[in-house]
PDB file of N, CA and C in Angstrom:
ATOM      1  N   MET A   1     -32.348 -16.391 -43.712  1.00  0.00           N
ATOM      2  CA  MET A   1     -31.257 -14.886 -44.178  1.00  0.00           C
ATOM      3  C   MET A   1     -31.661 -15.220 -42.381  1.00  0.00           C
ATOM      4  N   ALA A   2     -30.335 -14.522 -41.910  1.00  0.00           N
ATOM      5  CA  ALA A   2     -30.157 -14.419 -40.914  1.00  0.00           C
ATOM      6  C   ALA A   2     -30.046 -12.905 -40.074  1.00  0.00           C
ATOM      7  N   THR A   3     -30.463 -12.057 -39.078  1.00  0.00           N
ATOM      8  CA  THR A   3     -31.231 -10.681 -39.480  1.00  0.00           C
ATOM      9  C   THR A   3     -29.625  -9.797 -39.363  1.00  0.00           C
ATOM     10  N   VAL A   4     -30.043  -8.882 -38.768  1.00  0.00           N
ATOM     11  CA  VAL A   4     -28.480  -7.912 -38.609  1.00  0.00           C
ATOM     12  C   VAL A   4     -28.582  -8.037 -37.415  1.00  0.00           C
ATOM     13  N   GLU A   5     -29.339  -8.704 -36.361  1.00  0.00           N
ATOM     14  CA  GLU A   5     -28.938  -8.716 -34.745  1.00  0.00           C
ATOM     15  C   GLU A   5     -29.035 -10.279 -34.678  1.00  0.00           C
ATOM     16  N   GLU A   6     -29.385 -10.850 -35.436  1.00  0.00           N
ATOM     17  CA  GLU A   6     -28.605 -12.193 -35.136  1.00  0.00           C
ATOM     18  C   GLU A   6     -27.029 -12.268 -35.215  1.00  0.00           C
ATOM     19  N   CYS A   7     -26.534 -11.588 -36.572  1.00  0.00           N
ATOM     20  CA  CYS A   7     -25.958 -11.365 -37.137  1.00  0.00           C
ATOM     21  C   CYS A   7     -24.249 -10.619 -35.962  1.00  0.00           C
ATOM     22  N   ARG A   8     -24.880  -9.776 -35.123  1.00  0.00           N
ATOM     23  CA  ARG A   8     -24.544  -8.647 -34.337  1.00  0.00           C
ATOM     24  C   ARG A   8     -24.427  -9.189 -33.250  1.00  0.00           C
ATOM     25  N   ALA A   9     -25.339 -10.781 -32.379  1.00  0.00           N
ATOM     26  CA  ALA A   9     -24.673 -11.472 -31.498  1.00  0.00           C
ATOM     27  C   ALA A   9     -23.981 -12.610 -32.303  1.00  0.00           C
ATOM     28  N   ALA A  10     -24.021 -13.049 -33.302  1.00  0.00           N
ATOM     29  CA  ALA A  10     -23.069 -13.836 -33.423  1.00  0.00           C
ATOM     30  C   ALA A  10     -21.489 -13.149 -32.783  1.00  0.00           C
ATOM     31  N   LEU A  11     -20.849 -12.618 -33.397  1.00  0.00           N
ATOM     32  CA  LEU A  11     -20.062 -11.644 -32.897  1.00  0.00           C
ATOM     33  C   LEU A  11     -19.436 -11.186 -32.214  1.00  0.00           C
ATOM     34  N   GLN A  12     -20.533 -10.803 -30.967  1.00  0.00           N
ATOM     35  CA  GLN A  12     -20.785 -10.314 -29.624  1.00  0.00           C
ATOM     36  C   GLN A  12     -20.498 -11.911 -29.143  1.00  0.00           C
ATOM     37  N   LYS A  13     -20.672 -13.223 -29.869  1.00  0.00           N
ATOM     38  CA  LYS A  13     -20.740 -13.904 -28.839  1.00  0.00           C
ATOM     39  C   LYS A  13     -19.380 -15.046 -28.744  1.00  0.00           C
ATOM     40  N   LEU A  14     -18.988 -14.477 -30.621  1.00  0.00           N
ATOM     41  CA  LEU A  14     -17.853 -14.488 -30.813  1.00  0.00           C
ATOM     42  C   LEU A  14     -16.605 -14.087 -29.507  1.00  0.00           C
ATOM     43  N   ALA A  15     -16.908 -12.752 -29.658  1.00  0.00           N
ATOM     44  CA  ALA A  15     -15.898 -12.076 -28.724  1.00  0.00           C
ATOM     45  C   ALA A  15     -15.929 -12.124 -27.228  1.00  0.00           C
ATOM     46  N   ALA A  16     -17.387 -13.130 -26.365  1.00  0.00           N
ATOM     47  CA  ALA A  16     -16.921 -13.524 -25.916  1.00  0.00           C
ATOM     48  C   ALA A  16     -16.261 -14.579 -25.393  1.00  0.00           C
ATOM     49  N   ARG A  17     -16.268 -15.296 -26.467  1.00  0.00           N
ATOM     50  CA  ARG A  17     -15.779 -16.858 -26.026  1.00  0.00           C
ATOM     51  C   ARG A  17     -14.550 -16.359 -26.572  1.00  0.00           C
ATOM     52  N   LEU A  18     -14.102 -15.589 -27.286  1.00  0.00           N
ATOM     53  CA  LEU A  18     -12.276 -15.835 -26.959  1.00  0.00           C
ATOM     54  C   LEU A  18     -12.054 -14.338 -25.953  1.00  0.00           C
ATOM     55  N   ALA A  19     -12.790 -13.805 -25.089  1.00  0.00           N
ATOM     56  CA  ALA A  19     -12.057 -12.783 -23.962  1.00  0.00           C
ATOM     57  C   ALA A  19     -11.928 -13.754 -22.950  1.00  0.00           C
ATOM     58  N   GLU A  20     -13.063 -14.924 -23.002  1.00  0.00           N
ATOM     59  CA  GLU A  20     -12.594 -16.621 -21.811  1.00  0.00           C
ATOM     60  C   GLU A  20     -11.932 -17.386 -22.054  1.00  0.00           C
ATOM     61  N   ASN A  21     -11.142 -17.338 -23.356  1.00  0.00           N
ATOM     62  CA  ASN A  21      -9.443 -17.730 -23.540  1.00  0.00           C
ATOM     63  C   ASN A  21      -8.198 -17.046 -23.808  1.00  0.00           C
ATOM     64  N   ALA A  22      -8.862 -15.430 -23.314  1.00  0.00           N
ATOM     65  CA  ALA A  22      -7.558 -14.969 -23.201  1.00  0.00           C
ATOM     66  C   ALA A  22      -6.320 -15.073 -23.539  1.00  0.00           C
ATOM     67  N   ALA A  23      -6.286 -15.342 -22.310  1.00  0.00           N
ATOM     68  CA  ALA A  23      -4.559 -16.153 -22.359  1.00  0.00           C
ATOM     69  C   ALA A  23      -4.139 -17.267 -23.022  1.00  0.00           C
ATOM     70  N   ALA A  24      -4.934 -18.176 -23.070  1.00  0.00           N
ATOM     71  CA  ALA A  24      -4.732 -19.322 -23.755  1.00  0.00           C
ATOM     72  C   ALA A  24      -4.312 -18.311 -25.579  1.00  0.00           C
ATOM     73  N   ALA A  25      -5.352 -17.458 -25.418  1.00  0.00           N
ATOM     74  CA  ALA A  25      -5.244 -17.245 -27.011  1.00  0.00           C
ATOM     75  C   ALA A  25      -4.452 -15.350 -27.367  1.00  0.00           C
ATOM     76  N   ARG A  26      -3.562 -14.720 -25.863  1.00  0.00           N
ATOM     77  CA  ARG A  26      -3.225 -14.135 -26.500  1.00  0.00           C
ATOM     78  C   ARG A  26      -1.862 -14.844 -26.074  1.00  0.00           C
ATOM     79  N   GLU A  27      -1.522 -15.661 -25.769  1.00  0.00           N
ATOM     80  CA  GLU A  27      -0.524 -16.633 -26.280  1.00  0.00           C
ATOM     81  C   GLU A  27      -0.176 -17.009 -28.348  1.00  0.00           C
ATOM     82  N   LYS A  28      -1.355 -17.437 -28.700  1.00  0.00           N
ATOM     83  CA  LYS A  28      -1.231 -17.861 -30.702  1.00  0.00           C
ATOM     84  C   LYS A  28      -1.141 -16.844 -31.049  1.00  0.00           C
ATOM     85  N   LEU A  29      -2.025 -15.829 -30.299  1.00  0.00           N
ATOM     86  CA  LEU A  29      -1.902 -14.219 -31.345  1.00  0.00           C
ATOM     87  C   LEU A  29      -1.165 -13.838 -29.647  1.00  0.00           C
ATOM     88  N   ASP A  30      -0.598 -12.761 -30.456  1.00  0.00           N
ATOM     89  CA  ASP A  30       0.580 -11.634 -30.162  1.00  0.00           C
ATOM     90  C   ASP A  30      -0.157 -10.305 -30.768  1.00  0.00           C
ATOM     91  N   PHE A  31      -0.900  -9.724 -31.066  1.00  0.00           N
ATOM     92  CA  PHE A  31      -0.439  -9.021 -32.651  1.00  0.00           C
ATOM     93  C   PHE A  31      -2.256  -7.342 -31.928  1.00  0.00           C
ATOM     94  N   ASP A  32      -1.829  -7.016 -32.659  1.00  0.00           N
ATOM     95  CA  ASP A  32      -3.179  -6.065 -32.053  1.00  0.00           C
ATOM     96  C   ASP A  32      -3.629  -5.497 -34.205  1.00  0.00           C
ATOM     97  N   ARG A  33      -4.706  -5.738 -34.127  1.00  0.00           N
ATOM     98  CA  ARG A  33      -4.865  -6.108 -36.240  1.00  0.00           C
ATOM     99  C   ARG A  33      -6.350  -5.285 -36.065  1.00  0.00           C
ATOM    100  N   SER A  34      -6.790  -4.157 -36.786  1.00  0.00           N
ATOM    101  CA  SER A  34      -8.170  -3.602 -37.322  1.00  0.00           C
ATOM    102  C   SER A  34      -8.613  -4.854 -38.186  1.00  0.00           C
ATOM    103  N   LEU A  35     -10.409  -5.003 -36.728  1.00  0.00           N
ATOM    104  CA  LEU A  35     -10.859  -5.390 -37.648  1.00  0.00           C
ATOM    105  C   LEU A  35     -12.417  -5.655 -39.032  1.00  0.00           C
ATOM    106  N   ALA A  36     -12.714  -6.006 -39.667  1.00  0.00           N
ATOM    107  CA  ALA A  36     -14.395  -5.891 -40.501  1.00  0.00           C
ATOM    108  C   ALA A  36     -14.485  -6.611 -40.927  1.00  0.00           C
ATOM    109  N   CYS A  37     -16.126  -7.075 -41.233  1.00  0.00           N
ATOM    110  CA  CYS A  37     -17.119  -8.720 -40.860  1.00  0.00           C
ATOM    111  C   CYS A  37     -18.144  -7.673 -42.082  1.00  0.00           C
ATOM    112  N   ARG A  38     -17.547  -8.150 -42.881  1.00  0.00           N
ATOM    113  CA  ARG A  38     -19.208  -7.594 -43.865  1.00  0.00           C
ATOM    114  C   ARG A  38     -20.160  -8.541 -43.942  1.00  0.00           C
ATOM    115  N   ILE A  39     -21.184  -8.333 -44.180  1.00  0.00           N
ATOM    116  CA  ILE A  39     -21.991  -9.302 -44.086  1.00  0.00           C
ATOM    117  C   ILE A  39     -23.046  -9.261 -45.578  1.00  0.00           C
ATOM    118  N   THR A  40     -23.043  -9.532 -47.235  1.00  0.00           N
ATOM    119  CA  THR A  40     -23.297  -9.399 -48.319  1.00  0.00           C
ATOM    120  C   THR A  40     -25.123  -9.324 -48.591  1.00  0.00           C
ATOM    121  N   ASP A  41     -25.694 -10.537 -47.768  1.00  0.00           N
ATOM    122  CA  ASP A  41     -26.512 -10.422 -48.354  1.00  0.00           C
ATOM    123  C   ASP A  41     -27.745  -9.589 -47.515  1.00  0.00           C
ATOM    124  N   LEU A  42     -26.846  -8.475 -45.985  1.00  0.00           N
ATOM    125  CA  LEU A  42     -27.765  -7.422 -45.705  1.00  0.00           C
ATOM    126  C   LEU A  42     -27.728  -6.240 -46.233  1.00  0.00           C
ATOM    127  N   ASP A  43     -25.911  -6.498 -46.887  1.00  0.00           N
ATOM    128  CA  ASP A  43     -25.955  -5.530 -46.512  1.00  0.00           C
ATOM    129  C   ASP A  43     -25.464  -4.427 -45.235  1.00  0.00           C
ATOM    130  N   VAL A  44     -24.629  -5.190 -44.643  1.00  0.00           N
ATOM    131  CA  VAL A  44     -24.061  -4.442 -43.322  1.00  0.00           C
ATOM    132  C   VAL A  44     -22.933  -4.958 -43.669  1.00  0.00           C
ATOM    133  N   ALA A  45     -21.489  -3.566 -42.612  1.00  0.00           N
ATOM    134  CA  ALA A  45     -20.918  -4.755 -41.545  1.00  0.00           C
ATOM    135  C   ALA A  45     -20.387  -3.627 -40.757  1.00  0.00           C
ATOM    136  N   PHE A  46     -19.363  -4.921 -39.341  1.00  0.00           N
ATOM    137  CA  PHE A  46     -19.071  -4.870 -37.811  1.00  0.00           C
ATOM    138  C   PHE A  46     -17.711  -4.542 -38.533  1.00  0.00           C
ATOM    139  N   HIS A  47     -17.237  -3.874 -37.075  1.00  0.00           N
ATOM    140  CA  HIS A  47     -15.833  -3.626 -37.209  1.00  0.00           C
ATOM    141  C   HIS A  47     -15.846  -3.348 -36.061  1.00  0.00           C
ATOM    142  N   GLY A  48     -14.192  -3.693 -35.407  1.00  0.00           N
ATOM    143  CA  GLY A  48     -13.013  -3.479 -33.839  1.00  0.00           C
ATOM    144  C   GLY A  48     -12.345  -4.071 -34.305  1.00  0.00           C
ATOM    145  N   GLN A  49     -11.607  -4.007 -33.056  1.00  0.00           N
ATOM    146  CA  GLN A  49     -10.234  -4.094 -32.527  1.00  0.00           C
ATOM    147  C   GLN A  49     -10.258  -5.947 -32.498  1.00  0.00           C
ATOM    148  N   LEU A  50      -8.476  -6.491 -32.555  1.00  0.00           N
ATOM    149  CA  LEU A  50      -8.496  -8.021 -32.299  1.00  0.00           C
ATOM    150  C   LEU A  50      -7.330  -8.000 -32.113  1.00  0.00           C
ATOM    151  N   GLN A  51      -6.872  -7.335 -30.446  1.00  0.00           N
ATOM    152  CA  GLN A  51      -6.021  -7.554 -30.368  1.00  0.00           C
ATOM    153  C   GLN A  51      -5.375  -8.244 -28.223  1.00  0.00           C
ATOM    154  N   GLY A  52      -4.653  -8.903 -28.427  1.00  0.00           N
ATOM    155  CA  GLY A  52      -4.430 -10.158 -27.497  1.00  0.00           C
ATOM    156  C   GLY A  52      -5.439 -10.724 -27.269  1.00  0.00           C
ATOM    157  N   GLY A  53      -4.779 -11.374 -28.643  1.00  0.00           N
ATOM    158  CA  GLY A  53      -6.611 -12.660 -29.152  1.00  0.00           C
ATOM    159  C   GLY A  53      -8.284 -12.128 -28.145  1.00  0.00           C
ATOM    160  N   GLN A  54      -8.630 -10.951 -28.114  1.00  0.00           N
ATOM    161  CA  GLN A  54     -10.314 -10.881 -28.100  1.00  0.00           C
ATOM    162  C   GLN A  54     -10.573  -9.294 -28.963  1.00  0.00           C
ATOM    163  N   ILE A  55     -11.822  -9.571 -29.505  1.00  0.00           N
ATOM    164  CA  ILE A  55     -12.250  -8.418 -30.053  1.00  0.00           C
ATOM    165  C   ILE A  55     -12.583  -7.307 -28.975  1.00  0.00           C
ATOM    166  N   SER A  56     -12.467  -6.128 -28.836  1.00  0.00           N
ATOM    167  CA  SER A  56     -12.416  -5.189 -28.535  1.00  0.00           C
ATOM    168  C   SER A  56     -12.962  -4.242 -30.065  1.00  0.00           C
ATOM    169  N   GLY A  57     -13.942  -3.093 -29.136  1.00  0.00           N
ATOM    170  CA  GLY A  57     -14.513  -2.215 -29.961  1.00  0.00           C
ATOM    171  C   GLY A  57     -15.824  -2.539 -30.801  1.00  0.00           C
ATOM    172  N   LEU A  58     -16.379  -3.199 -30.679  1.00  0.00           N
ATOM    173  CA  LEU A  58     -17.368  -4.253 -31.741  1.00  0.00           C
ATOM    174  C   LEU A  58     -18.942  -3.403 -31.661  1.00  0.00           C
ATOM    175  N   THR A  59     -18.495  -2.485 -33.071  1.00  0.00           N
ATOM    176  CA  THR A  59     -19.394  -1.945 -33.262  1.00  0.00           C
ATOM    177  C   THR A  59     -19.966  -1.574 -35.111  1.00  0.00           C
ATOM    178  N   ASP A  60     -21.357  -1.858 -35.330  1.00  0.00           N
ATOM    179  CA  ASP A  60     -21.453  -1.379 -36.629  1.00  0.00           C
ATOM    180  C   ASP A  60     -21.070   0.026 -37.512  1.00  0.00           C
ATOM    181  N   GLY A  61     -21.209  -0.887 -39.047  1.00  0.00           N
ATOM    182  CA  GLY A  61     -20.477   0.819 -39.529  1.00  0.00           C
ATOM    183  C   GLY A  61     -19.010  -0.639 -40.528  1.00  0.00           C
ATOM    184  N   ASP A  62     -18.153  -0.526 -41.443  1.00  0.00           N
ATOM    185  CA  ASP A  62     -17.833  -0.930 -41.892  1.00  0.00           C
ATOM    186  C   ASP A  62     -16.213  -0.612 -42.305  1.00  0.00           C
ATOM    187  N   ASP A  63     -15.771  -0.589 -41.952  1.00  0.00           N
ATOM    188  CA  ASP A  63     -14.335   0.271 -41.850  1.00  0.00           C
ATOM    189  C   ASP A  63     -13.253   0.432 -42.564  1.00  0.00           C
ATOM    190  N   PRO A  64     -12.859   0.778 -44.273  1.00  0.00           N
ATOM    191  CA  PRO A  64     -12.295  -0.344 -45.276  1.00  0.00           C
ATOM    192  C   PRO A  64     -11.145   0.028 -45.222  1.00  0.00           C
ATOM    193  N   ARG A  65     -10.067   0.864 -44.086  1.00  0.00           N
ATOM    194  CA  ARG A  65      -8.724   0.395 -43.476  1.00  0.00           C
ATOM    195  C   ARG A  65      -8.321  -0.702 -42.676  1.00  0.00           C
ATOM    196  N   ALA A  66      -9.797  -2.062 -42.496  1.00  0.00           N
ATOM    197  CA  ALA A  66      -9.414  -2.561 -42.054  1.00  0.00           C
ATOM    198  C   ALA A  66      -7.896  -3.165 -42.171  1.00  0.00           C
ATOM    199  N   LYS A  67      -7.246  -3.588 -41.642  1.00  0.00           N
ATOM    200  CA  LYS A  67      -6.505  -4.892 -41.811  1.00  0.00           C
ATOM    201  C   LYS A  67      -6.712  -6.340 -41.782  1.00  0.00           C
ATOM    202  N   ILE A  68      -7.444  -7.070 -41.281  1.00  0.00           N
ATOM    203  CA  ILE A  68      -7.736  -8.948 -41.134  1.00  0.00           C
ATOM    204  C   ILE A  68      -9.737  -7.776 -41.212  1.00  0.00           C
ATOM    205  N   LYS A  69      -9.740  -8.439 -43.129  1.00  0.00           N
ATOM    206  CA  LYS A  69     -11.829  -8.119 -42.980  1.00  0.00           C
ATOM    207  C   LYS A  69     -12.239  -9.497 -43.812  1.00  0.00           C
ATOM    208  N   LEU A  70     -13.489  -9.938 -43.248  1.00  0.00           N
ATOM    209  CA  LEU A  70     -14.290 -11.084 -43.136  1.00  0.00           C
ATOM    210  C   LEU A  70     -15.426 -10.371 -44.406  1.00  0.00           C
ATOM    211  N   THR A  71     -15.488 -11.959 -44.701  1.00  0.00           N
ATOM    212  CA  THR A  71     -17.121 -11.354 -45.624  1.00  0.00           C
ATOM    213  C   THR A  71     -17.794 -12.785 -46.368  1.00  0.00           C
ATOM    214  N   SER A  72     -18.877 -13.143 -45.827  1.00  0.00           N
ATOM    215  CA  SER A  72     -19.965 -13.744 -45.274  1.00  0.00           C
ATOM    216  C   SER A  72     -21.307 -13.130 -45.602  1.00  0.00           C
ATOM    217  N   THR A  73     -21.674 -14.670 -46.165  1.00  0.00           N
ATOM    218  CA  THR A  73     -23.677 -14.743 -45.424  1.00  0.00           C
ATOM    219  C   THR A  73     -24.080 -14.199 -44.782  1.00  0.00           C
ATOM    220  N   SER A  74     -24.941 -13.934 -44.196  1.00  0.00           N
ATOM    221  CA  SER A  74     -25.583 -14.182 -42.534  1.00  0.00           C
ATOM    222  C   SER A  74     -25.441 -14.901 -42.322  1.00  0.00           C
ATOM    223  N   ASP A  75     -26.050 -15.718 -43.022  1.00  0.00           N
ATOM    224  CA  ASP A  75     -26.034 -17.871 -42.439  1.00  0.00           C
ATOM    225  C   ASP A  75     -24.684 -18.197 -41.959  1.00  0.00           C
ATOM    226  N   ASP A  76     -23.632 -18.056 -43.042  1.00  0.00           N
ATOM    227  CA  ASP A  76     -22.655 -18.414 -42.716  1.00  0.00           C
ATOM    228  C   ASP A  76     -21.898 -18.342 -41.419  1.00  0.00           C
ATOM    229  N   LEU A  77     -21.869 -16.425 -41.456  1.00  0.00           N
ATOM    230  CA  LEU A  77     -21.641 -15.705 -40.185  1.00  0.00           C
ATOM    231  C   LEU A  77     -21.938 -16.717 -38.423  1.00  0.00           C
ATOM    232  N   VAL A  78     -22.726 -17.203 -38.461  1.00  0.00           N
ATOM    233  CA  VAL A  78     -23.661 -17.146 -37.494  1.00  0.00           C
ATOM    234  C   VAL A  78     -23.191 -18.608 -37.618  1.00  0.00           C
ATOM    235  N   ALA A  79     -23.628 -19.574 -38.867  1.00  0.00           N
ATOM    236  CA  ALA A  79     -22.921 -20.596 -38.495  1.00  0.00           C
ATOM    237  C   ALA A  79     -21.475 -21.259 -38.137  1.00  0.00           C
ATOM    238  N   LEU A  80     -20.666 -20.058 -38.742  1.00  0.00           N
ATOM    239  CA  LEU A  80     -19.181 -20.352 -38.824  1.00  0.00           C
ATOM    240  C   LEU A  80     -18.798 -20.244 -36.551  1.00  0.00           C
ATOM    241  N   VAL A  81     -19.515 -19.005 -36.034  1.00  0.00           N
ATOM    242  CA  VAL A  81     -19.881 -18.900 -34.700  1.00  0.00           C
ATOM    243  C   VAL A  81     -19.726 -19.907 -33.822  1.00  0.00           C
ATOM    244  N   ASN A  82     -21.751 -20.415 -34.107  1.00  0.00           N
ATOM    245  CA  ASN A  82     -21.972 -21.739 -33.543  1.00  0.00           C
ATOM    246  C   ASN A  82     -21.829 -22.936 -34.290  1.00  0.00           C
ATOM    247  N   GLY A  83     -20.110 -22.935 -34.647  1.00  0.00           N
ATOM    248  CA  GLY A  83     -19.515 -24.620 -35.008  1.00  0.00           C
ATOM    249  C   GLY A  83     -19.970 -25.166 -35.977  1.00  0.00           C
ATOM    250  N   GLU A  84     -20.585 -24.235 -36.963  1.00  0.00           N
ATOM    251  CA  GLU A  84     -22.440 -25.012 -37.345  1.00  0.00           C
ATOM    252  C   GLU A  84     -21.029 -25.343 -39.018  1.00  0.00           C
ATOM    253  N   LEU A  85     -20.350 -24.637 -39.172  1.00  0.00           N
ATOM    254  CA  LEU A  85     -19.679 -24.794 -40.412  1.00  0.00           C
ATOM    255  C   LEU A  85     -18.328 -24.511 -40.013  1.00  0.00           C
ATOM    256  N   ASN A  86     -17.190 -25.388 -41.357  1.00  0.00           N
ATOM    257  CA  ASN A  86     -15.983 -25.351 -40.597  1.00  0.00           C
ATOM    258  C   ASN A  86     -15.053 -23.665 -41.612  1.00  0.00           C
ATOM    259  N   VAL A  87     -14.415 -23.350 -40.896  1.00  0.00           N
ATOM    260  CA  VAL A  87     -14.022 -22.972 -41.931  1.00  0.00           C
ATOM    261  C   VAL A  87     -12.971 -23.043 -42.735  1.00  0.00           C
ATOM    262  N   MET A  88     -11.676 -23.296 -42.628  1.00  0.00           N
ATOM    263  CA  MET A  88     -11.474 -24.293 -43.639  1.00  0.00           C
ATOM    264  C   MET A  88     -11.730 -24.387 -45.322  1.00  0.00           C
ATOM    265  N   GLN A  89     -12.795 -25.221 -44.658  1.00  0.00           N
ATOM    266  CA  GLN A  89     -14.088 -25.858 -45.595  1.00  0.00           C
ATOM    267  C   GLN A  89     -14.493 -24.618 -46.004  1.00  0.00           C
ATOM    268  N   ALA A  90     -15.128 -23.093 -45.428  1.00  0.00           N
ATOM    269  CA  ALA A  90     -16.425 -23.052 -45.775  1.00  0.00           C
ATOM    270  C   ALA A  90     -15.066 -21.618 -46.593  1.00  0.00           C
ATOM    271  N   TRP A  91     -13.965 -21.353 -46.025  1.00  0.00           N
ATOM    272  CA  TRP A  91     -13.337 -20.269 -47.002  1.00  0.00           C
ATOM    273  C   TRP A  91     -12.970 -21.285 -48.230  1.00  0.00           C
ATOM    274  N   THR A  92     -11.878 -22.274 -48.059  1.00  0.00           N
ATOM    275  CA  THR A  92     -11.452 -22.542 -49.250  1.00  0.00           C
ATOM    276  C   THR A  92     -12.249 -22.788 -50.748  1.00  0.00           C
ATOM    277  N   GLY A  93     -13.228 -23.241 -49.840  1.00  0.00           N
ATOM    278  CA  GLY A  93     -14.837 -23.275 -51.295  1.00  0.00           C
ATOM    279  C   GLY A  93     -15.941 -22.428 -51.230  1.00  0.00           C
ATOM    280  N   GLY A  94     -15.091 -21.192 -51.114  1.00  0.00           N
ATOM    281  CA  GLY A  94     -15.177 -19.829 -51.224  1.00  0.00           C
ATOM    282  C   GLY A  94     -16.454 -19.605 -50.648  1.00  0.00           C
ATOM    283  N   ARG A  95     -17.206 -20.018 -49.973  1.00  0.00           N
ATOM    284  CA  ARG A  95     -18.411 -19.281 -48.873  1.00  0.00           C
ATOM    285  C   ARG A  95     -18.081 -17.731 -48.443  1.00  0.00           C
ATOM    286  N   ILE A  96     -16.710 -17.774 -47.529  1.00  0.00           N
ATOM    287  CA  ILE A  96     -16.413 -16.577 -46.533  1.00  0.00           C
ATOM    288  C   ILE A  96     -15.202 -16.644 -47.540  1.00  0.00           C
ATOM    289  N   LYS A  97     -14.852 -15.460 -47.449  1.00  0.00           N
ATOM    290  CA  LYS A  97     -13.698 -14.531 -47.622  1.00  0.00           C
ATOM    291  C   LYS A  97     -12.473 -13.690 -46.756  1.00  0.00           C
ATOM    292  N   ILE A  98     -11.327 -13.915 -46.172  1.00  0.00           N
ATOM    293  CA  ILE A  98     -10.276 -13.140 -45.852  1.00  0.00           C
ATOM    294  C   ILE A  98      -9.528 -12.901 -46.688  1.00  0.00           C
ATOM    295  N   ASP A  99      -9.680 -11.437 -46.094  1.00  0.00           N
ATOM    296  CA  ASP A  99      -8.509 -11.005 -46.070  1.00  0.00           C
ATOM    297  C   ASP A  99      -7.535  -9.809 -46.168  1.00  0.00           C
ATOM    298  N   ALA A 100      -6.203 -10.848 -45.669  1.00  0.00           N
ATOM    299  CA  ALA A 100      -5.827 -10.716 -43.903  1.00  0.00           C
ATOM    300  C   ALA A 100      -3.695 -10.699 -45.063  1.00  0.00           C
ATOM    301  N   GLY A 101      -3.037  -9.881 -44.809  1.00  0.00           N
ATOM    302  CA  GLY A 101      -1.927 -10.429 -44.948  1.00  0.00           C
ATOM    303  C   GLY A 101      -1.616 -11.376 -45.416  1.00  0.00           C
ATOM    304  N   VAL A 102      -0.721 -12.607 -45.442  1.00  0.00           N
ATOM    305  CA  VAL A 102      -0.081 -13.728 -44.686  1.00  0.00           C
ATOM    306  C   VAL A 102       0.724 -14.454 -43.408  1.00  0.00           C
ATOM    307  N   PHE A 103       1.037 -13.083 -42.642  1.00  0.00           N
ATOM    308  CA  PHE A 103       0.851 -13.539 -41.628  1.00  0.00           C
ATOM    309  C   PHE A 103       0.497 -13.626 -40.328  1.00  0.00           C
ATOM    310  N   ASP A 104      -0.486 -12.073 -40.136  1.00  0.00           N
ATOM    311  CA  ASP A 104      -2.147 -12.685 -40.359  1.00  0.00           C
ATOM    312  C   ASP A 104      -3.017 -13.735 -40.305  1.00  0.00           C
ATOM    313  N   LEU A 105      -2.891 -14.089 -41.434  1.00  0.00           N
ATOM    314  CA  LEU A 105      -3.576 -15.632 -41.587  1.00  0.00           C
ATOM    315  C   LEU A 105      -3.580 -16.538 -40.991  1.00  0.00           C
ATOM    316  N   LEU A 106      -1.981 -16.841 -40.779  1.00  0.00           N
ATOM    317  CA  LEU A 106      -0.853 -17.887 -40.605  1.00  0.00           C
ATOM    318  C   LEU A 106      -1.298 -17.746 -38.703  1.00  0.00           C
ATOM    319  N   LYS A 107      -1.456 -16.200 -38.127  1.00  0.00           N
ATOM    320  CA  LYS A 107      -2.188 -15.977 -37.171  1.00  0.00           C
ATOM    321  C   LYS A 107      -2.622 -16.034 -36.905  1.00  0.00           C
ATOM    322  N   LEU A 108      -4.169 -16.540 -37.618  1.00  0.00           N
ATOM    323  CA  LEU A 108      -5.045 -16.615 -36.521  1.00  0.00           C
ATOM    324  C   LEU A 108      -5.763 -17.940 -37.161  1.00  0.00           C
ATOM    325  N   ARG A 109      -5.110 -18.726 -38.171  1.00  0.00           N
ATOM    326  CA  ARG A 109      -5.500 -19.886 -38.352  1.00  0.00           C
ATOM    327  C   ARG A 109      -5.072 -21.154 -37.278  1.00  0.00           C
ATOM    328  N   LYS A 110      -4.157 -20.787 -36.081  1.00  0.00           N
ATOM    329  CA  LYS A 110      -3.730 -21.217 -34.991  1.00  0.00           C
ATOM    330  C   LYS A 110      -5.355 -20.641 -34.019  1.00  0.00           C
ATOM    331  N   LEU A 111      -6.113 -19.462 -34.228  1.00  0.00           N
ATOM    332  CA  LEU A 111      -6.810 -19.162 -32.868  1.00  0.00           C
ATOM    333  C   LEU A 111      -7.717 -19.710 -33.989  1.00  0.00           C
ATOM    334  N   LEU A 112      -8.867 -19.855 -35.173  1.00  0.00           N
ATOM    335  CA  LEU A 112     -10.134 -20.459 -35.704  1.00  0.00           C
ATOM    336  C   LEU A 112      -8.779 -21.908 -35.065  1.00  0.00           C
TER     337      LEU A 112
END
């Protein structure tokens, strides 16, 4: 099981990767949504804002009003960010849950 620090680092790594590709991501994701990531096996959560293809304001704690919610185990989150776990396979296989509107899911698919 990954630690809370490893999960935080994975999300920061994802945020940095998106920031590096901000121009290309902005073309794919021209929307502004609140984002929450819940880690089931550690009973922790993180939240921030997805805007312009970047994650900003990433901080500890849940946001029950988030428009996009990702739920996974700590190991699956780290594997997703490191490219060791395919997002679509993990989602269809039930290893991760993504709760978002249909149009947001379509936009996220372009990014992933």
